Amino acid sequence: MAPTPTRTGADDDGSDTNTDDDDADLSRDEAAGTLTVRLHHFTNRTSDEAARYLAEQLSAPKTEYPGTKLGVVYRLVSD
């Protein structure tokens, strides 16, 4: 039987150690009609690049936040 793979970047309690305590900032811009989710940086460039790609994909459909007319936009803090 093959050994069970373990999660990398996780503490013994199963929590992810790849991000800070505050993983994202939210800001609402009524004039622009947007709710921006700014993701904080991860511990390595590869994770940042993956998060940037995911943010672009999540922002592409122009999704409105439920109960508002605000379009949700995802970005990394540095972008």
C-alpha atoms as a PDB file:
ATOM      1  CA  MET A   1       0.000   0.000   0.000  1.00  0.00           C
ATOM      2  CA  ALA A   2       1.363   3.430  -0.963  1.00  0.00           C
ATOM      3  CA  PRO A   3       1.925   6.006   1.788  1.00  0.00           C
ATOM      4  CA  THR A   4      -0.752   8.652   2.190  1.00  0.00           C
ATOM      5  CA  PRO A   5       0.418  12.048   0.883  1.00  0.00           C
ATOM      6  CA  THR A   6       0.516  14.873   3.408  1.00  0.00           C
ATOM      7  CA  ARG A   7      -0.433  18.476   2.842  1.00  0.00           C
ATOM      8  CA  THR A   8       2.492  20.837   2.532  1.00  0.00           C
ATOM      9  CA  GLY A   9       2.092  24.272   4.054  1.00  0.00           C
ATOM     10  CA  ALA A  10      -0.217  23.041   6.792  1.00  0.00           C
ATOM     11  CA  ASP A  11       0.186  22.994  10.555  1.00  0.00           C
ATOM     12  CA  ASP A  12      -0.646  19.947  12.639  1.00  0.00           C
ATOM     13  CA  ASP A  13      -4.139  21.340  13.144  1.00  0.00           C
ATOM     14  CA  GLY A  14      -4.700  21.352   9.353  1.00  0.00           C
ATOM     15  CA  SER A  15      -4.657  25.119   8.961  1.00  0.00           C
ATOM     16  CA  ASP A  16      -2.906  26.595   5.954  1.00  0.00           C
ATOM     17  CA  THR A  17       0.306  28.492   6.763  1.00  0.00           C
ATOM     18  CA  ASN A  18       0.747  30.010   3.311  1.00  0.00           C
ATOM     19  CA  THR A  19      -1.044  33.302   4.057  1.00  0.00           C
ATOM     20  CA  ASP A  20      -1.147  35.980   6.738  1.00  0.00           C
ATOM     21  CA  ASP A  21      -4.000  36.320   9.232  1.00  0.00           C
ATOM     22  CA  ASP A  22      -5.611  38.977   7.010  1.00  0.00           C
ATOM     23  CA  ASP A  23      -5.794  37.242   3.656  1.00  0.00           C
ATOM     24  CA  ALA A  24      -7.715  39.951   1.787  1.00  0.00           C
ATOM     25  CA  ASP A  25      -8.989  43.526   1.921  1.00  0.00           C
ATOM     26  CA  LEU A  26     -12.422  44.570   0.688  1.00  0.00           C
ATOM     27  CA  SER A  27     -13.205  47.992  -0.714  1.00  0.00           C
ATOM     28  CA  ARG A  28     -16.433  49.265  -2.204  1.00  0.00           C
ATOM     29  CA  ASP A  29     -16.502  51.963  -4.862  1.00  0.00           C
ATOM     30  CA  GLU A  30     -20.099  52.988  -5.462  1.00  0.00           C
ATOM     31  CA  ALA A  31     -19.145  55.456  -8.221  1.00  0.00           C
ATOM     32  CA  ALA A  32     -17.293  52.770 -10.190  1.00  0.00           C
ATOM     33  CA  GLY A  33     -19.862  50.121  -9.238  1.00  0.00           C
ATOM     34  CA  THR A  34     -17.267  47.690  -7.894  1.00  0.00           C
ATOM     35  CA  LEU A  35     -16.469  45.658  -4.824  1.00  0.00           C
ATOM     36  CA  THR A  36     -12.747  44.940  -4.954  1.00  0.00           C
ATOM     37  CA  VAL A  37     -11.217  41.969  -3.161  1.00  0.00           C
ATOM     38  CA  ARG A  38      -7.463  42.582  -2.808  1.00  0.00           C
ATOM     39  CA  LEU A  39      -5.621  39.386  -1.962  1.00  0.00           C
ATOM     40  CA  HIS A  40      -2.491  39.646   0.138  1.00  0.00           C
ATOM     41  CA  HIS A  41       0.723  38.077  -1.088  1.00  0.00           C
ATOM     42  CA  PHE A  42       1.562  34.465  -0.491  1.00  0.00           C
ATOM     43  CA  THR A  43       4.890  33.105   0.726  1.00  0.00           C
ATOM     44  CA  ASN A  44       6.333  32.462  -2.733  1.00  0.00           C
ATOM     45  CA  ARG A  45       6.147  33.809  -6.263  1.00  0.00           C
ATOM     46  CA  THR A  46       4.575  30.662  -7.716  1.00  0.00           C
ATOM     47  CA  SER A  47       1.630  30.964  -5.322  1.00  0.00           C
ATOM     48  CA  ASP A  48       1.305  34.674  -6.156  1.00  0.00           C
ATOM     49  CA  GLU A  49       1.202  33.864  -9.867  1.00  0.00           C
ATOM     50  CA  ALA A  50      -1.452  31.199  -9.291  1.00  0.00           C
ATOM     51  CA  ALA A  51      -3.504  33.631  -7.176  1.00  0.00           C
ATOM     52  CA  ARG A  52      -3.168  36.331  -9.845  1.00  0.00           C
ATOM     53  CA  TYR A  53      -4.412  33.907 -12.528  1.00  0.00           C
ATOM     54  CA  LEU A  54      -7.330  32.830 -10.315  1.00  0.00           C
ATOM     55  CA  ALA A  55      -8.208  36.480  -9.613  1.00  0.00           C
ATOM     56  CA  GLU A  56      -8.282  37.217 -13.343  1.00  0.00           C
ATOM     57  CA  GLN A  57     -10.527  34.204 -13.995  1.00  0.00           C
ATOM     58  CA  LEU A  58     -12.907  35.081 -11.143  1.00  0.00           C
ATOM     59  CA  SER A  59     -13.142  38.711 -12.277  1.00  0.00           C
ATOM     60  CA  ALA A  60     -13.787  37.907 -15.949  1.00  0.00           C
ATOM     61  CA  PRO A  61     -17.513  36.988 -15.736  1.00  0.00           C
ATOM     62  CA  LYS A  62     -18.452  40.405 -14.268  1.00  0.00           C
ATOM     63  CA  THR A  63     -20.288  38.842 -11.328  1.00  0.00           C
ATOM     64  CA  GLU A  64     -22.469  41.125  -9.202  1.00  0.00           C
ATOM     65  CA  TYR A  65     -22.268  40.796  -5.434  1.00  0.00           C
ATOM     66  CA  PRO A  66     -25.643  39.449  -4.240  1.00  0.00           C
ATOM     67  CA  GLY A  67     -28.110  42.121  -3.185  1.00  0.00           C
ATOM     68  CA  THR A  68     -26.100  44.944  -4.774  1.00  0.00           C
ATOM     69  CA  LYS A  69     -25.295  46.354  -8.187  1.00  0.00           C
ATOM     70  CA  LEU A  70     -21.551  46.075  -7.461  1.00  0.00           C
ATOM     71  CA  GLY A  71     -19.360  44.009  -9.750  1.00  0.00           C
ATOM     72  CA  VAL A  72     -16.824  41.864  -7.886  1.00  0.00           C
ATOM     73  CA  VAL A  73     -13.191  42.402  -8.894  1.00  0.00           C
ATOM     74  CA  TYR A  74     -10.321  40.294  -7.555  1.00  0.00           C
ATOM     75  CA  ARG A  75      -6.702  41.524  -7.487  1.00  0.00           C
ATOM     76  CA  LEU A  76      -3.458  41.009  -5.656  1.00  0.00           C
ATOM     77  CA  VAL A  77      -2.561  43.930  -3.372  1.00  0.00           C
ATOM     78  CA  SER A  78       0.413  44.840  -5.596  1.00  0.00           C
ATOM     79  CA  ASP A  79      -1.635  45.002  -8.811  1.00  0.00           C
END
